[in-house]
Amino acid sequence: MKLKNILYYLAVIILLTPKLWATNTNPVVTNVTFSNTGTTVTVHYDVTDAEQSTVTISMEVSSDGGATWNDNFGIASGDIGDGVSKGNGKTITWTYSGGYNSNFKIMISANDGQVGGSDCGTVAYGGKTYTTIMIGNQCWLKENLDVGTQIGGSANQTNNSLIEKYCYNDDPANCTTYGGLYQWNEVMQYVTTQGARGICPIGWHLPTNAEYQTLATTVSNNGNTLKAVGQDGTSTNTSGFSALLAGDGGYGYFYGLGVSTYFWSSAEYDATNAYNMYLIDYFSNINLYFDSKEIGFSVRCAKDF
């Protein structure tokens, strides 16, 4: 069946970031329409914001009626990404490369990136909403990233059109609770640039090792302040980082749930290893070390500033 029928099935969802901070008014997206010619879908919208002259516009696509979302949708251009001026008659042009699917939905998000107070807004990404926390001058996701399609722990994540993840013990419920586990190359989306966006939302990136060092310094190198209360007998979570002892996986095994957690950085150690930050139960150490890129670790994203 040809794509021309997509006009009757493609749903557009306008998603407003529900909270940025107490004195900030959310940007508002209205008057969304779309049309298609062949394999090109054109989306029109208006966007207003009370405080800022530019906003960040994100688009995600679902091919299963909204059960899962992905921003690796092909080629999109126009009024999308950072620095979109507020106003009317905005246009996104999406070149569609797949086959016909009657379950397509498009989700458009607007964010003006204002921060302040104890958090720096909420982030809608991949069908989930993430909360955030300001620690010193850094803004972090408070939850481990859980985006992509689950594959078995004995398989390698590969460079294809999908974001792939492991769930601890191959149990999807563990992804819901603890987030996905990702090999380094998958996290980085097969580039090696420090601070790359990788699989993070638009406007966010994989932390560098230096950013983890800054985080450690800000909390006086006390890992207990980063761990969620209840993870062990010493965690205080006074920073609000809310780390869960999510374990790790890869090579067909899973280890360490409730004992340890590792967060990938975007910094390579060498061709086969990359830096990470890890925390262990009943120890206050914040450990910055390197491990094989093939292991599945957790991901926390840091906000671009």
Protein backbone atom coordinates (compact mmCIF):
# COMPACT_ATOMS: atom_id res chain seq x y z
CA MET A 1 0.00 0.00 0.00
CA LYS A 2 1.34 3.42 -0.90
CA LEU A 3 2.23 6.09 1.61
CA LYS A 4 -0.35 8.53 0.22
CA ASN A 5 -2.88 7.15 2.71
CA ILE A 6 -0.74 8.21 5.66
CA LEU A 7 -2.71 11.46 5.88
CA TYR A 8 -5.68 9.58 7.26
CA TYR A 9 -3.75 7.68 9.90
CA LEU A 10 -0.87 9.85 11.06
CA ALA A 11 -1.68 11.32 14.46
CA VAL A 12 0.06 14.41 15.81
CA ILE A 13 0.44 14.75 19.56
CA ILE A 14 1.34 18.14 21.02
CA LEU A 15 3.33 17.58 24.18
CA LEU A 16 3.97 20.52 26.47
CA THR A 17 6.72 20.25 29.03
CA PRO A 18 4.58 20.32 32.21
CA LYS A 19 7.05 21.98 34.56
CA LEU A 20 10.20 23.93 33.90
CA TRP A 21 10.47 25.94 37.08
CA ALA A 22 8.24 27.91 39.37
CA THR A 23 8.41 31.29 37.62
CA ASN A 24 8.68 30.04 34.05
CA THR A 25 5.72 29.73 31.69
CA ASN A 26 5.79 26.69 29.42
CA PRO A 27 6.05 27.18 25.66
CA VAL A 28 2.79 26.38 23.86
CA VAL A 29 2.46 24.58 20.53
CA THR A 30 -0.82 25.03 18.64
CA ASN A 31 -2.43 24.68 15.20
CA VAL A 32 -0.56 21.54 14.20
CA THR A 33 -1.42 20.27 10.73
CA PHE A 34 0.29 17.93 8.31
CA SER A 35 0.22 16.82 4.72
CA ASN A 36 2.17 14.40 2.58
CA THR A 37 3.51 14.11 -0.93
CA GLY A 38 4.96 10.72 -1.79
CA THR A 39 7.36 9.87 1.02
CA THR A 40 7.58 13.41 2.41
CA VAL A 41 5.44 14.44 5.38
CA THR A 42 5.20 18.17 6.11
CA VAL A 43 4.17 19.27 9.60
CA HIS A 44 3.05 22.86 10.32
CA TYR A 45 2.67 24.38 13.79
CA ASP A 46 2.72 27.62 15.80
CA VAL A 47 4.72 28.08 18.99
CA THR A 48 4.60 30.82 21.64
CA ASP A 49 6.64 31.42 24.78
CA ALA A 50 6.20 34.17 27.36
CA GLU A 51 9.86 34.55 28.35
CA GLN A 52 12.13 33.29 25.59
CA SER A 53 12.54 34.22 21.93
CA THR A 54 13.72 30.74 20.93
CA VAL A 55 12.77 27.22 21.98
CA THR A 56 13.88 23.66 21.37
CA ILE A 57 11.53 21.61 19.22
CA SER A 58 11.72 17.81 19.30
CA MET A 59 9.92 15.23 17.20
CA GLU A 60 9.49 11.54 17.93
CA VAL A 61 7.77 8.91 15.83
CA SER A 62 5.86 5.77 16.86
CA SER A 63 5.04 2.96 14.45
CA ASP A 64 3.01 0.96 16.98
CA GLY A 65 0.28 3.39 17.95
CA GLY A 66 2.27 5.09 20.72
CA ALA A 67 3.49 2.03 22.65
CA THR A 68 7.13 2.94 21.90
CA TRP A 69 8.74 6.10 20.52
CA ASN A 70 11.95 6.76 18.64
CA ASP A 71 13.64 9.92 17.41
CA ASN A 72 15.73 7.96 14.89
CA PHE A 73 12.99 8.48 12.32
CA GLY A 74 15.07 9.34 9.27
CA ILE A 75 15.69 12.81 7.89
CA ALA A 76 13.82 15.81 9.32
CA SER A 77 14.63 19.44 8.59
CA GLY A 78 13.21 22.90 9.10
CA ASP A 79 11.96 24.27 12.43
CA ILE A 80 13.26 21.44 14.62
CA GLY A 81 16.05 21.24 17.19
CA ASP A 82 17.61 24.06 19.20
CA GLY A 83 17.16 27.78 18.51
CA VAL A 84 13.76 27.69 16.81
CA SER A 85 12.26 31.20 16.92
CA LYS A 86 8.79 31.41 18.42
CA GLY A 87 6.05 32.41 16.02
CA ASN A 88 3.51 31.13 13.55
CA GLY A 89 3.81 29.03 10.43
CA LYS A 90 6.66 26.79 11.57
CA THR A 91 7.43 23.85 9.32
CA ILE A 92 9.10 20.46 9.74
CA THR A 93 9.76 18.36 6.64
CA TRP A 94 10.21 14.65 7.27
CA THR A 95 11.43 12.31 4.55
CA TYR A 96 9.83 8.98 5.31
CA SER A 97 11.85 5.91 4.30
CA GLY A 98 9.84 2.94 5.61
CA GLY A 99 6.85 1.02 4.38
CA TYR A 100 3.24 1.97 4.93
CA ASN A 101 2.02 1.67 8.53
CA SER A 102 -1.46 2.62 9.70
CA ASN A 103 -0.27 2.92 13.33
CA PHE A 104 2.05 5.91 12.90
CA LYS A 105 1.96 8.75 15.39
CA ILE A 106 4.15 11.84 15.62
CA MET A 107 4.94 13.57 18.93
CA ILE A 108 6.13 17.20 18.93
CA SER A 109 7.66 18.68 22.10
CA ALA A 110 8.54 22.31 22.89
CA ASN A 111 10.94 23.30 25.66
CA ASP A 112 12.46 26.69 26.48
CA GLY A 113 15.20 25.22 28.65
CA GLN A 114 14.77 27.55 31.61
CA VAL A 115 16.29 26.23 34.82
CA GLY A 116 16.30 27.21 38.45
CA GLY A 117 15.42 26.01 41.93
CA SER A 118 15.97 22.35 42.78
CA ASP A 119 15.23 20.92 39.35
CA CYS A 120 15.56 21.97 35.73
CA GLY A 121 12.30 20.80 34.26
CA THR A 122 10.90 17.54 32.99
CA VAL A 123 11.92 15.79 29.79
CA ALA A 124 9.53 13.82 27.60
CA TYR A 125 11.47 11.25 25.61
CA GLY A 126 10.78 7.84 24.16
CA GLY A 127 7.28 7.70 25.59
CA LYS A 128 8.44 8.43 29.15
CA THR A 129 8.76 11.58 31.25
CA TYR A 130 12.01 12.07 33.16
CA THR A 131 12.54 14.37 36.12
CA THR A 132 15.75 16.33 36.61
CA ILE A 133 17.96 17.72 39.35
CA MET A 134 20.41 20.64 39.57
CA ILE A 135 23.61 19.67 41.41
CA GLY A 136 25.93 22.63 41.56
CA ASN A 137 25.92 24.08 38.05
CA GLN A 138 25.01 20.80 36.38
CA CYS A 139 21.57 19.53 35.41
CA TRP A 140 21.10 15.74 35.41
CA LEU A 141 18.31 13.32 34.65
CA LYS A 142 17.14 11.85 37.96
CA GLU A 143 16.27 8.51 36.38
CA ASN A 144 18.31 6.07 34.34
CA LEU A 145 17.57 6.28 30.64
CA ASP A 146 15.14 3.64 29.39
CA VAL A 147 14.77 4.03 25.66
CA GLY A 148 14.88 1.59 22.78
CA THR A 149 14.03 -1.99 21.92
CA GLN A 150 14.98 -4.81 24.28
CA ILE A 151 17.26 -7.56 22.98
CA GLY A 152 18.61 -10.63 24.76
CA GLY A 153 21.66 -10.22 27.00
CA SER A 154 23.69 -12.72 24.97
CA ALA A 155 23.44 -10.63 21.77
CA ASN A 156 25.53 -7.59 20.89
CA GLN A 157 23.82 -4.25 20.31
CA THR A 158 24.43 -3.25 16.71
CA ASN A 159 24.61 -0.17 14.51
CA ASN A 160 21.19 -0.24 12.87
CA SER A 161 18.12 1.98 12.77
CA LEU A 162 17.08 0.97 16.31
CA ILE A 163 18.27 1.93 19.77
CA GLU A 164 18.81 -1.44 21.47
CA LYS A 165 18.95 -2.13 25.21
CA TYR A 166 19.33 -4.95 27.70
CA CYS A 167 16.99 -5.40 30.65
CA TYR A 168 18.58 -7.00 33.72
CA ASN A 169 17.99 -10.78 33.66
CA ASP A 170 16.18 -10.23 30.34
CA ASP A 171 13.17 -9.06 32.37
CA PRO A 172 11.38 -5.99 30.93
CA ALA A 173 10.16 -5.06 34.41
CA ASN A 174 13.76 -4.33 35.38
CA CYS A 175 14.05 -1.78 32.56
CA THR A 176 10.93 -0.10 33.89
CA THR A 177 12.43 0.13 37.38
CA TYR A 178 16.16 0.49 36.76
CA GLY A 179 16.41 1.69 33.16
CA GLY A 180 18.09 -0.03 30.25
CA LEU A 181 21.65 -1.33 30.08
CA TYR A 182 23.65 -0.26 27.04
CA GLN A 183 26.99 -1.07 25.44
CA TRP A 184 29.21 1.98 24.97
CA ASN A 185 29.06 2.11 21.18
CA GLU A 186 25.26 1.92 21.26
CA VAL A 187 25.12 4.68 23.86
CA MET A 188 27.36 6.87 21.68
CA GLN A 189 25.48 5.94 18.49
CA TYR A 190 28.77 4.85 16.97
CA VAL A 191 30.71 8.09 17.25
CA THR A 192 33.62 8.80 19.61
CA THR A 193 33.21 12.52 20.25
CA GLN A 194 33.25 13.44 23.93
CA GLY A 195 30.01 15.09 24.98
CA ALA A 196 28.08 13.57 22.07
CA ARG A 197 24.32 13.42 22.33
CA GLY A 198 24.30 9.67 21.68
CA ILE A 199 20.96 8.19 22.75
CA CYS A 200 20.09 11.13 25.00
CA PRO A 201 17.17 13.51 24.28
CA ILE A 202 17.72 16.59 22.13
CA GLY A 203 19.44 19.23 24.27
CA TRP A 204 21.19 16.59 26.41
CA HIS A 205 24.40 14.60 26.09
CA LEU A 206 26.46 11.73 27.47
CA PRO A 207 28.56 13.18 30.31
CA THR A 208 32.30 13.47 29.86
CA ASN A 209 34.62 12.02 32.48
CA ALA A 210 35.42 15.59 33.51
CA GLU A 211 31.71 16.22 34.18
CA TYR A 212 31.60 13.21 36.48
CA GLN A 213 34.70 14.58 38.23
CA THR A 214 32.87 17.89 38.71
CA LEU A 215 29.85 16.04 40.11
CA ALA A 216 32.06 14.15 42.56
CA THR A 217 33.72 17.37 43.69
CA THR A 218 30.36 19.09 44.17
CA VAL A 219 29.19 16.35 46.57
CA SER A 220 32.56 16.20 48.36
CA ASN A 221 33.33 12.80 46.83
CA ASN A 222 30.61 11.19 48.94
CA GLY A 223 28.81 8.52 46.92
CA ASN A 224 26.17 8.08 49.60
CA THR A 225 24.79 11.49 48.63
CA LEU A 226 24.20 10.18 45.09
CA LYS A 227 22.48 6.89 45.97
CA ALA A 228 18.71 6.76 46.42
CA VAL A 229 17.59 6.19 49.99
CA GLY A 230 17.04 2.51 50.65
CA GLN A 231 19.66 1.23 48.21
CA ASP A 232 21.82 0.28 51.18
CA GLY A 233 22.17 1.20 54.83
CA THR A 234 24.31 4.27 54.18
CA SER A 235 22.67 6.07 51.24
CA THR A 236 21.30 9.56 51.93
CA ASN A 237 20.54 10.97 48.45
CA THR A 238 21.07 14.49 49.76
CA SER A 239 22.12 15.55 46.25
CA GLY A 240 18.88 14.30 44.70
CA PHE A 241 20.76 12.26 42.05
CA SER A 242 18.77 9.17 43.11
CA ALA A 243 21.12 6.49 41.79
CA LEU A 244 19.77 2.94 41.84
CA LEU A 245 22.08 -0.06 42.19
CA ALA A 246 21.05 -1.34 38.77
CA GLY A 247 23.84 -3.86 38.13
CA ASP A 248 25.30 -4.47 34.69
CA GLY A 249 25.07 -6.95 31.84
CA GLY A 250 26.56 -8.30 28.65
CA TYR A 251 28.39 -11.38 27.37
CA GLY A 252 25.25 -13.35 28.25
CA TYR A 253 25.35 -12.58 31.97
CA PHE A 254 23.92 -10.06 34.44
CA TYR A 255 25.54 -9.12 37.71
CA GLY A 256 25.25 -6.77 40.64
CA LEU A 257 21.57 -5.80 40.94
CA GLY A 258 21.26 -4.23 44.39
CA VAL A 259 25.06 -4.24 44.76
CA SER A 260 26.54 -1.79 42.26
CA THR A 261 25.78 0.58 39.42
CA TYR A 262 27.87 1.93 36.54
CA PHE A 263 27.19 5.00 34.39
CA TRP A 264 28.88 5.38 31.02
CA SER A 265 30.78 8.54 30.17
CA SER A 266 31.40 9.68 26.60
CA ALA A 267 35.18 9.52 27.10
CA GLU A 268 37.24 6.68 25.66
CA TYR A 269 40.16 5.19 27.55
CA ASP A 270 41.38 3.35 24.47
CA ALA A 271 39.94 1.50 21.48
CA THR A 272 38.25 -1.17 23.60
CA ASN A 273 37.55 0.59 26.92
CA ALA A 274 35.71 3.72 28.07
CA TYR A 275 35.41 5.66 31.30
CA ASN A 276 32.50 5.36 33.69
CA MET A 277 31.37 6.36 37.16
CA TYR A 278 30.39 3.55 39.51
CA LEU A 279 28.92 3.26 42.98
CA ILE A 280 28.86 0.26 45.33
CA ASP A 281 26.58 -0.59 48.25
CA TYR A 282 27.85 0.29 51.74
CA PHE A 283 30.80 2.28 50.35
CA SER A 284 30.91 6.05 50.05
CA ASN A 285 33.46 6.04 47.23
CA ILE A 286 32.69 7.69 43.90
CA ASN A 287 34.76 5.62 41.51
CA LEU A 288 35.89 6.91 38.11
CA TYR A 289 37.46 4.12 36.11
CA PHE A 290 37.31 2.40 32.72
CA ASP A 291 35.79 -0.87 31.54
CA SER A 292 35.18 -2.78 28.34
CA LYS A 293 32.86 -1.06 25.89
CA GLU A 294 31.06 -4.40 25.46
CA ILE A 295 29.50 -4.36 28.96
CA GLY A 296 25.98 -3.05 29.38
CA PHE A 297 25.90 -0.10 31.82
CA SER A 298 23.30 2.45 32.84
CA VAL A 299 23.01 5.90 31.29
CA ARG A 300 22.40 9.30 32.87
CA CYS A 301 22.24 12.30 30.56
CA ALA A 302 23.52 15.80 31.34
CA LYS A 303 21.87 18.95 30.01
CA ASP A 304 23.61 21.06 27.40
CA PHE A 305 24.44 24.60 28.59
